[in-house]
């Protein structure tokens, strides 16, 4: 028996002047913001909006992010972002988000590992309500897919693994610590093709 196709969500984004560096290319931190926004839109459109999370006292924390810019993305570019939950287990979930340009060419992809925290900041199990929407494969199927793509994945074991200094909670009830390229000396400054981890 095969698994159903994953549930996805797409939104358009127009790259603004202030989202680009002096070279006119998008900053990779902007792709992370688009990705976060799209995750919030996806969740809310499936019934898991900000009030749903607030009622349960839970919040998502970004544990790890990987960004690949595979084509130049310039100021004024019209992108379509599409996100899908590609796996989850216990307290973590992974999303893959792709950004395609106006002619449908892949310009960037983002993998984000999220950890669900309770109101004490402690990892907590993902609610069973997510299964009906996001559970598209068995754990073994996800393990096979991740191993085939040589993608690291593992459940979070301790609170220390997910807590970071300077955590902020944004308007989408996501807990995160965002840094721009210039803050960490990335080789992919200004959205030039390359990978940021």
Protein backbone atom coordinates (compact mmCIF):
# COMPACT_ATOMS: atom_id res chain seq x y z
CA UNK A 1 0.00 0.00 0.00
CA UNK A 2 1.44 3.39 -0.95
CA UNK A 3 1.26 6.52 1.16
CA UNK A 4 -0.96 9.46 0.20
CA UNK A 5 0.78 12.50 -1.30
CA UNK A 6 2.01 14.99 1.30
CA UNK A 7 -0.20 17.94 2.21
CA UNK A 8 1.33 21.13 0.80
CA UNK A 9 0.63 24.84 0.82
CA UNK A 10 1.79 27.51 -1.65
CA UNK A 11 1.95 31.31 -1.51
CA UNK A 12 3.38 34.00 -3.82
CA UNK A 13 6.17 36.31 -2.66
CA UNK A 14 7.58 39.39 -4.39
CA UNK A 15 11.17 40.22 -3.45
CA UNK A 16 11.28 43.80 -2.17
CA UNK A 17 14.15 46.28 -2.50
CA UNK A 18 14.81 46.24 1.26
CA UNK A 19 15.11 42.43 1.22
CA UNK A 20 18.17 42.54 -1.02
CA UNK A 21 21.80 43.44 -0.54
CA UNK A 22 23.63 46.18 -2.45
CA UNK A 23 24.12 43.70 -5.30
CA UNK A 24 20.33 43.44 -5.79
CA UNK A 25 20.21 39.78 -4.70
CA UNK A 26 17.94 38.46 -1.96
CA UNK A 27 19.43 37.92 1.48
CA UNK A 28 19.22 34.30 2.62
CA UNK A 29 17.67 35.46 5.90
CA UNK A 30 14.69 36.67 3.84
CA UNK A 31 14.18 33.15 2.50
CA UNK A 32 14.05 31.95 6.10
CA UNK A 33 11.41 34.60 6.91
CA UNK A 34 9.36 33.60 3.85
CA UNK A 35 9.67 29.96 4.96
CA UNK A 36 8.50 30.78 8.47
CA UNK A 37 5.59 32.82 7.13
CA UNK A 38 4.55 30.01 4.81
CA UNK A 39 4.70 27.47 7.66
CA UNK A 40 2.34 29.72 9.64
CA UNK A 41 -0.04 30.10 6.67
CA UNK A 42 -0.01 26.33 6.12
CA UNK A 43 -0.68 25.54 9.78
CA UNK A 44 -3.46 28.13 10.10
CA UNK A 45 -5.14 27.00 6.87
CA UNK A 46 -5.36 23.48 8.33
CA UNK A 47 -6.98 24.67 11.57
CA UNK A 48 -3.85 25.17 13.68
CA UNK A 49 -3.79 28.96 13.99
CA UNK A 50 -2.22 31.17 16.65
CA UNK A 51 -5.17 30.83 19.00
CA UNK A 52 -5.06 27.03 18.67
CA UNK A 53 -1.42 27.01 19.82
CA UNK A 54 -2.05 29.62 22.55
CA UNK A 55 -4.94 27.58 24.01
CA UNK A 56 -2.60 24.60 24.37
CA UNK A 57 0.40 26.62 25.60
CA UNK A 58 2.72 25.29 22.88
CA UNK A 59 5.15 26.95 20.49
CA UNK A 60 7.49 25.80 17.70
CA UNK A 61 11.25 26.40 17.98
CA UNK A 62 13.58 26.21 14.98
CA UNK A 63 16.22 23.64 15.91
CA UNK A 64 18.13 23.58 12.62
CA UNK A 65 17.86 25.16 9.19
CA UNK A 66 19.52 24.47 5.87
CA UNK A 67 19.14 26.89 2.97
CA UNK A 68 20.26 26.30 -0.61
CA UNK A 69 20.14 29.10 -3.15
CA UNK A 70 20.43 27.39 -6.53
CA UNK A 71 19.76 30.38 -8.81
CA UNK A 72 20.14 34.16 -8.38
CA UNK A 73 17.03 35.77 -6.87
CA UNK A 74 16.92 39.48 -7.68
CA UNK A 75 14.93 42.42 -6.39
CA UNK A 76 11.44 42.39 -7.90
CA UNK A 77 11.46 38.63 -8.53
CA UNK A 78 8.09 36.93 -8.26
CA UNK A 79 8.45 33.65 -6.36
CA UNK A 80 6.03 30.92 -5.40
CA UNK A 81 6.88 29.17 -2.15
CA UNK A 82 5.55 25.70 -1.48
CA UNK A 83 5.94 23.97 1.87
CA UNK A 84 5.30 20.44 3.01
CA UNK A 85 5.84 18.62 6.30
CA UNK A 86 8.15 15.82 5.22
CA UNK A 87 8.27 14.04 8.55
CA UNK A 88 7.62 14.27 12.25
CA UNK A 89 8.17 12.18 15.33
CA UNK A 90 7.53 12.75 19.03
CA UNK A 91 8.61 16.38 19.53
CA UNK A 92 10.13 17.39 16.17
CA UNK A 93 8.94 18.04 12.64
CA UNK A 94 10.80 18.71 9.40
CA UNK A 95 9.53 20.94 6.62
CA UNK A 96 10.84 21.29 3.10
CA UNK A 97 10.02 24.56 1.40
CA UNK A 98 10.85 25.31 -2.22
CA UNK A 99 10.83 28.66 -3.99
CA UNK A 100 10.28 28.68 -7.74
CA UNK A 101 10.64 31.70 -10.00
CA UNK A 102 8.03 32.94 -12.48
CA UNK A 103 8.94 30.34 -15.11
CA UNK A 104 8.79 27.50 -12.57
CA UNK A 105 12.54 27.06 -12.12
CA UNK A 106 13.67 26.06 -8.64
CA UNK A 107 15.54 29.04 -7.16
CA UNK A 108 15.94 27.92 -3.53
CA UNK A 109 15.01 25.22 -1.07
CA UNK A 110 14.92 25.24 2.72
CA UNK A 111 14.83 22.41 5.26
CA UNK A 112 13.83 23.36 8.79
CA UNK A 113 13.70 21.07 11.80
CA UNK A 114 11.16 22.36 14.32
CA UNK A 115 10.79 21.28 17.95
CA UNK A 116 7.51 21.72 19.81
CA UNK A 117 7.86 23.30 23.27
CA UNK A 118 5.33 23.65 26.07
CA UNK A 119 4.79 26.83 28.10
CA UNK A 120 7.79 25.94 30.29
CA UNK A 121 10.12 25.73 27.27
CA UNK A 122 10.34 21.93 27.51
CA UNK A 123 9.97 19.69 24.42
CA UNK A 124 6.49 18.20 24.25
CA UNK A 125 4.80 15.62 22.06
CA UNK A 126 3.18 16.74 18.85
CA UNK A 127 -0.62 16.63 19.29
CA UNK A 128 -2.46 13.70 17.70
CA UNK A 129 -4.61 16.17 15.72
CA UNK A 130 -1.63 16.64 13.38
CA UNK A 131 -1.79 13.02 12.23
CA UNK A 132 -4.89 13.47 10.08
CA UNK A 133 -3.31 16.37 8.16
CA UNK A 134 0.43 15.82 8.16
CA UNK A 135 1.05 12.07 8.70
CA UNK A 136 1.62 10.96 5.13
CA UNK A 137 4.18 8.19 5.68
CA UNK A 138 5.13 5.70 8.34
CA UNK A 139 8.26 6.23 10.42
CA UNK A 140 10.05 3.51 8.41
CA UNK A 141 9.10 5.17 5.12
CA UNK A 142 10.49 8.50 6.38
CA UNK A 143 13.68 6.79 7.60
CA UNK A 144 14.16 5.23 4.18
CA UNK A 145 13.52 8.55 2.39
CA UNK A 146 15.88 10.52 4.67
CA UNK A 147 18.59 7.86 4.44
CA UNK A 148 18.28 7.75 0.64
CA UNK A 149 18.83 11.52 0.50
CA UNK A 150 21.62 11.32 3.12
CA UNK A 151 19.64 13.69 5.36
CA UNK A 152 20.43 13.79 9.07
CA UNK A 153 17.42 13.21 11.31
CA UNK A 154 16.89 12.23 14.91
CA UNK A 155 14.45 12.98 17.70
CA UNK A 156 15.41 15.57 20.28
CA UNK A 157 16.62 13.91 23.46
CA UNK A 158 17.05 16.72 26.02
CA UNK A 159 15.88 20.26 26.65
CA UNK A 160 19.48 21.50 26.36
CA UNK A 161 19.55 20.39 22.73
CA UNK A 162 16.86 22.86 21.77
CA UNK A 163 17.22 25.84 24.08
CA UNK A 164 19.17 28.80 22.67
CA UNK A 165 20.10 32.22 23.98
CA UNK A 166 18.18 35.21 22.69
CA UNK A 167 15.02 33.33 21.79
CA UNK A 168 12.19 35.50 20.54
CA UNK A 169 8.57 34.59 19.98
CA UNK A 170 7.17 36.18 16.85
CA UNK A 171 3.61 37.03 15.82
CA UNK A 172 3.07 33.52 14.46
CA UNK A 173 3.85 32.02 17.88
CA UNK A 174 7.15 30.65 16.59
CA UNK A 175 10.15 30.77 18.86
CA UNK A 176 13.32 31.54 16.95
CA UNK A 177 16.76 33.11 16.91
CA UNK A 178 17.33 34.78 13.54
CA UNK A 179 20.68 36.00 12.27
CA UNK A 180 21.45 37.72 9.00
CA UNK A 181 24.30 36.58 6.73
CA UNK A 182 26.53 39.47 7.74
CA UNK A 183 26.31 38.28 11.37
CA UNK A 184 27.89 34.90 10.69
CA UNK A 185 30.07 35.45 7.64
CA UNK A 186 28.24 33.14 5.30
CA UNK A 187 29.75 32.48 1.89
CA UNK A 188 26.28 32.91 0.40
CA UNK A 189 25.90 36.60 1.24
CA UNK A 190 23.32 38.37 -0.89
CA UNK A 191 21.60 35.25 -2.16
CA UNK A 192 24.44 34.13 -4.45
CA UNK A 193 24.12 30.47 -5.34
CA UNK A 194 25.53 28.32 -2.56
CA UNK A 195 24.46 26.69 0.67
CA UNK A 196 24.01 28.14 4.13
CA UNK A 197 23.77 25.82 7.09
